[in-house]
Amino acid sequence: MLAGTIAAMRDADTPPQEPDDRHQNLDGHTARQRARAIRAAVIEVHARVREWRSQPGWQNTPANVHRYETTVNVFRAVESMPEPDSAVAVAQLVEAVRPLLTEWRPGRPGPEQQIFVAVERLRRSLPR
């Protein structure tokens, strides 16, 4: 009950939780390890967006449809890319996921905040 009250008191710019640090400190990891972390984060973003779209409160606005389609397109692009085996290939993977980083920003309460948290995890999995 208290958690629900606290969640309701958050402003729209505050994510419901801080992303965990599972994908941080990837310096020194192989290209394949980096790619796995990035792909796992993209899968999570895709799952959160699909959950959001299946919510009763989903609004089929042009902006929402665009964000949904962008997410699906990035997911498909990443899914179709070969397993990176070099820093150059990881850079190509990073470029493929950039639209998610620019499309999803904090600002709305509810399911979209869960998407933002997942995007933050993705951002933290990328090479610096």
C-alpha atoms as a PDB file:
ATOM      1  CA  MET A   1       0.000   0.000   0.000  1.00  0.00           C
ATOM      2  CA  LEU A   2       2.757   2.437   0.923  1.00  0.00           C
ATOM      3  CA  ALA A   3       4.644   1.689  -2.297  1.00  0.00           C
ATOM      4  CA  GLY A   4       1.528   2.589  -4.290  1.00  0.00           C
ATOM      5  CA  THR A   5       1.177   5.848  -2.383  1.00  0.00           C
ATOM      6  CA  ILE A   6       4.804   6.745  -2.976  1.00  0.00           C
ATOM      7  CA  ALA A   7       4.532   5.854  -6.653  1.00  0.00           C
ATOM      8  CA  ALA A   8       1.472   8.086  -6.975  1.00  0.00           C
ATOM      9  CA  MET A   9       3.417  10.975  -5.413  1.00  0.00           C
ATOM     10  CA  ARG A  10       6.237  10.897  -7.970  1.00  0.00           C
ATOM     11  CA  ASP A  11       6.342  13.628 -10.524  1.00  0.00           C
ATOM     12  CA  ALA A  12       6.245  12.663 -14.175  1.00  0.00           C
ATOM     13  CA  ASP A  13      10.011  13.050 -14.629  1.00  0.00           C
ATOM     14  CA  THR A  14      10.940  10.565 -11.930  1.00  0.00           C
ATOM     15  CA  PRO A  15      11.318   6.972 -13.041  1.00  0.00           C
ATOM     16  CA  PRO A  16       9.621   4.441 -10.768  1.00  0.00           C
ATOM     17  CA  GLN A  17      12.965   2.859  -9.945  1.00  0.00           C
ATOM     18  CA  GLU A  18      16.580   3.373 -10.728  1.00  0.00           C
ATOM     19  CA  PRO A  19      17.843   1.007 -13.396  1.00  0.00           C
ATOM     20  CA  ASP A  20      20.051  -1.671 -11.929  1.00  0.00           C
ATOM     21  CA  ASP A  21      23.715  -1.794 -12.819  1.00  0.00           C
ATOM     22  CA  ARG A  22      23.733  -5.213 -14.500  1.00  0.00           C
ATOM     23  CA  HIS A  23      25.128  -3.822 -17.728  1.00  0.00           C
ATOM     24  CA  GLN A  24      27.546  -1.259 -16.367  1.00  0.00           C
ATOM     25  CA  ASN A  25      31.309  -1.551 -16.363  1.00  0.00           C
ATOM     26  CA  LEU A  26      31.510  -3.361 -19.671  1.00  0.00           C
ATOM     27  CA  ASP A  27      34.894  -1.829 -20.441  1.00  0.00           C
ATOM     28  CA  GLY A  28      37.257  -4.642 -21.245  1.00  0.00           C
ATOM     29  CA  HIS A  29      34.498  -7.032 -22.277  1.00  0.00           C
ATOM     30  CA  THR A  30      34.542  -8.716 -25.646  1.00  0.00           C
ATOM     31  CA  ALA A  31      32.433  -7.542 -28.551  1.00  0.00           C
ATOM     32  CA  ARG A  32      30.138 -10.537 -28.059  1.00  0.00           C
ATOM     33  CA  GLN A  33      29.651  -9.764 -24.356  1.00  0.00           C
ATOM     34  CA  ARG A  34      28.820  -6.139 -25.122  1.00  0.00           C
ATOM     35  CA  ALA A  35      26.431  -7.219 -27.871  1.00  0.00           C
ATOM     36  CA  ARG A  36      24.648  -9.641 -25.523  1.00  0.00           C
ATOM     37  CA  ALA A  37      24.138  -6.881 -22.961  1.00  0.00           C
ATOM     38  CA  ILE A  38      22.809  -4.489 -25.603  1.00  0.00           C
ATOM     39  CA  ARG A  39      20.523  -7.114 -27.132  1.00  0.00           C
ATOM     40  CA  ALA A  40      19.144  -8.073 -23.698  1.00  0.00           C
ATOM     41  CA  ALA A  41      18.375  -4.417 -23.007  1.00  0.00           C
ATOM     42  CA  VAL A  42      16.639  -4.012 -26.401  1.00  0.00           C
ATOM     43  CA  ILE A  43      14.536  -7.109 -25.687  1.00  0.00           C
ATOM     44  CA  GLU A  44      13.500  -5.562 -22.376  1.00  0.00           C
ATOM     45  CA  VAL A  45      12.540  -2.246 -24.012  1.00  0.00           C
ATOM     46  CA  HIS A  46      10.539  -4.102 -26.647  1.00  0.00           C
ATOM     47  CA  ALA A  47       8.710  -6.122 -23.971  1.00  0.00           C
ATOM     48  CA  ARG A  48       7.841  -2.982 -21.974  1.00  0.00           C
ATOM     49  CA  VAL A  49       6.542  -1.227 -25.089  1.00  0.00           C
ATOM     50  CA  ARG A  50       4.407  -4.226 -26.007  1.00  0.00           C
ATOM     51  CA  GLU A  51       3.005  -4.271 -22.449  1.00  0.00           C
ATOM     52  CA  TRP A  52       2.228  -0.557 -22.714  1.00  0.00           C
ATOM     53  CA  ARG A  53       0.427  -1.065 -26.031  1.00  0.00           C
ATOM     54  CA  SER A  54      -1.694  -3.871 -24.566  1.00  0.00           C
ATOM     55  CA  GLN A  55      -2.840  -1.717 -21.625  1.00  0.00           C
ATOM     56  CA  PRO A  56      -6.470  -0.578 -21.611  1.00  0.00           C
ATOM     57  CA  GLY A  57      -5.233   3.019 -21.433  1.00  0.00           C
ATOM     58  CA  TRP A  58      -3.293   2.766 -24.720  1.00  0.00           C
ATOM     59  CA  GLN A  59      -4.181   5.668 -26.976  1.00  0.00           C
ATOM     60  CA  ASN A  60      -3.751   5.089 -30.692  1.00  0.00           C
ATOM     61  CA  THR A  61      -2.388   8.583 -31.324  1.00  0.00           C
ATOM     62  CA  PRO A  62       0.094   9.296 -34.128  1.00  0.00           C
ATOM     63  CA  ALA A  63       2.863   9.929 -31.558  1.00  0.00           C
ATOM     64  CA  ASN A  64       2.202   6.655 -29.728  1.00  0.00           C
ATOM     65  CA  VAL A  65       1.991   4.692 -32.972  1.00  0.00           C
ATOM     66  CA  HIS A  66       5.273   6.256 -34.122  1.00  0.00           C
ATOM     67  CA  ARG A  67       7.043   5.362 -30.864  1.00  0.00           C
ATOM     68  CA  TYR A  68       5.661   1.831 -30.979  1.00  0.00           C
ATOM     69  CA  GLU A  69       6.702   1.339 -34.616  1.00  0.00           C
ATOM     70  CA  THR A  70      10.158   2.780 -33.942  1.00  0.00           C
ATOM     71  CA  THR A  71      10.638   0.293 -31.131  1.00  0.00           C
ATOM     72  CA  VAL A  72       9.487  -2.651 -33.230  1.00  0.00           C
ATOM     73  CA  ASN A  73      11.714  -1.582 -36.124  1.00  0.00           C
ATOM     74  CA  VAL A  74      14.773  -1.287 -33.882  1.00  0.00           C
ATOM     75  CA  PHE A  75      14.014  -4.652 -32.296  1.00  0.00           C
ATOM     76  CA  ARG A  76      13.741  -6.299 -35.734  1.00  0.00           C
ATOM     77  CA  ALA A  77      16.909  -4.610 -36.976  1.00  0.00           C
ATOM     78  CA  VAL A  78      18.892  -5.767 -33.950  1.00  0.00           C
ATOM     79  CA  GLU A  79      17.414  -9.239 -34.221  1.00  0.00           C
ATOM     80  CA  SER A  80      18.525  -9.516 -37.853  1.00  0.00           C
ATOM     81  CA  MET A  81      22.094  -8.313 -37.272  1.00  0.00           C
ATOM     82  CA  PRO A  82      24.816 -10.947 -37.113  1.00  0.00           C
ATOM     83  CA  GLU A  83      26.599 -11.549 -33.829  1.00  0.00           C
ATOM     84  CA  PRO A  84      29.171  -8.748 -33.527  1.00  0.00           C
ATOM     85  CA  ASP A  85      32.762  -9.928 -33.366  1.00  0.00           C
ATOM     86  CA  SER A  86      34.557  -6.586 -33.443  1.00  0.00           C
ATOM     87  CA  ALA A  87      34.357  -3.078 -32.061  1.00  0.00           C
ATOM     88  CA  VAL A  88      33.177  -1.886 -35.484  1.00  0.00           C
ATOM     89  CA  ALA A  89      30.290  -4.375 -35.437  1.00  0.00           C
ATOM     90  CA  VAL A  90      29.347  -3.285 -31.905  1.00  0.00           C
ATOM     91  CA  ALA A  91      29.349   0.332 -33.118  1.00  0.00           C
ATOM     92  CA  GLN A  92      26.909  -0.671 -35.864  1.00  0.00           C
ATOM     93  CA  LEU A  93      24.689  -2.293 -33.228  1.00  0.00           C
ATOM     94  CA  VAL A  94      24.845   0.882 -31.137  1.00  0.00           C
ATOM     95  CA  GLU A  95      23.796   2.958 -34.141  1.00  0.00           C
ATOM     96  CA  ALA A  96      20.863   0.615 -34.729  1.00  0.00           C
ATOM     97  CA  VAL A  97      19.535   1.195 -31.196  1.00  0.00           C
ATOM     98  CA  ARG A  98      19.990   4.988 -31.096  1.00  0.00           C
ATOM     99  CA  PRO A  99      16.380   5.715 -32.148  1.00  0.00           C
ATOM    100  CA  LEU A 100      15.209   4.155 -28.872  1.00  0.00           C
ATOM    101  CA  LEU A 101      17.420   6.504 -26.887  1.00  0.00           C
ATOM    102  CA  THR A 102      15.988   9.576 -28.574  1.00  0.00           C
ATOM    103  CA  GLU A 103      12.387   8.386 -28.793  1.00  0.00           C
ATOM    104  CA  TRP A 104      11.816   7.431 -25.160  1.00  0.00           C
ATOM    105  CA  ARG A 105      12.231  10.185 -22.585  1.00  0.00           C
ATOM    106  CA  PRO A 106      10.804  10.461 -19.086  1.00  0.00           C
ATOM    107  CA  GLY A 107       7.792  12.642 -18.782  1.00  0.00           C
ATOM    108  CA  ARG A 108       4.675  10.599 -18.336  1.00  0.00           C
ATOM    109  CA  PRO A 109       3.534   8.498 -15.412  1.00  0.00           C
ATOM    110  CA  GLY A 110       2.318   4.951 -15.712  1.00  0.00           C
ATOM    111  CA  PRO A 111       3.536   2.270 -18.099  1.00  0.00           C
ATOM    112  CA  GLU A 112       5.686   4.691 -20.060  1.00  0.00           C
ATOM    113  CA  GLN A 113       7.899   5.165 -17.017  1.00  0.00           C
ATOM    114  CA  GLN A 114       8.702   1.439 -17.110  1.00  0.00           C
ATOM    115  CA  ILE A 115       9.766   1.910 -20.720  1.00  0.00           C
ATOM    116  CA  PHE A 116      12.009   4.787 -19.705  1.00  0.00           C
ATOM    117  CA  VAL A 117      13.677   2.620 -17.054  1.00  0.00           C
ATOM    118  CA  ALA A 118      14.315  -0.085 -19.653  1.00  0.00           C
ATOM    119  CA  VAL A 119      15.746   2.510 -22.068  1.00  0.00           C
ATOM    120  CA  GLU A 120      18.029   3.770 -19.302  1.00  0.00           C
ATOM    121  CA  ARG A 121      19.304   0.220 -18.851  1.00  0.00           C
ATOM    122  CA  LEU A 122      19.939   0.105 -22.591  1.00  0.00           C
ATOM    123  CA  ARG A 123      21.781   3.419 -22.482  1.00  0.00           C
ATOM    124  CA  ARG A 124      23.970   2.138 -19.650  1.00  0.00           C
ATOM    125  CA  SER A 125      24.844  -0.991 -21.619  1.00  0.00           C
ATOM    126  CA  LEU A 126      26.325   0.999 -24.502  1.00  0.00           C
ATOM    127  CA  PRO A 127      30.059   1.654 -24.815  1.00  0.00           C
ATOM    128  CA  ARG A 128      31.099   5.041 -23.539  1.00  0.00           C
END
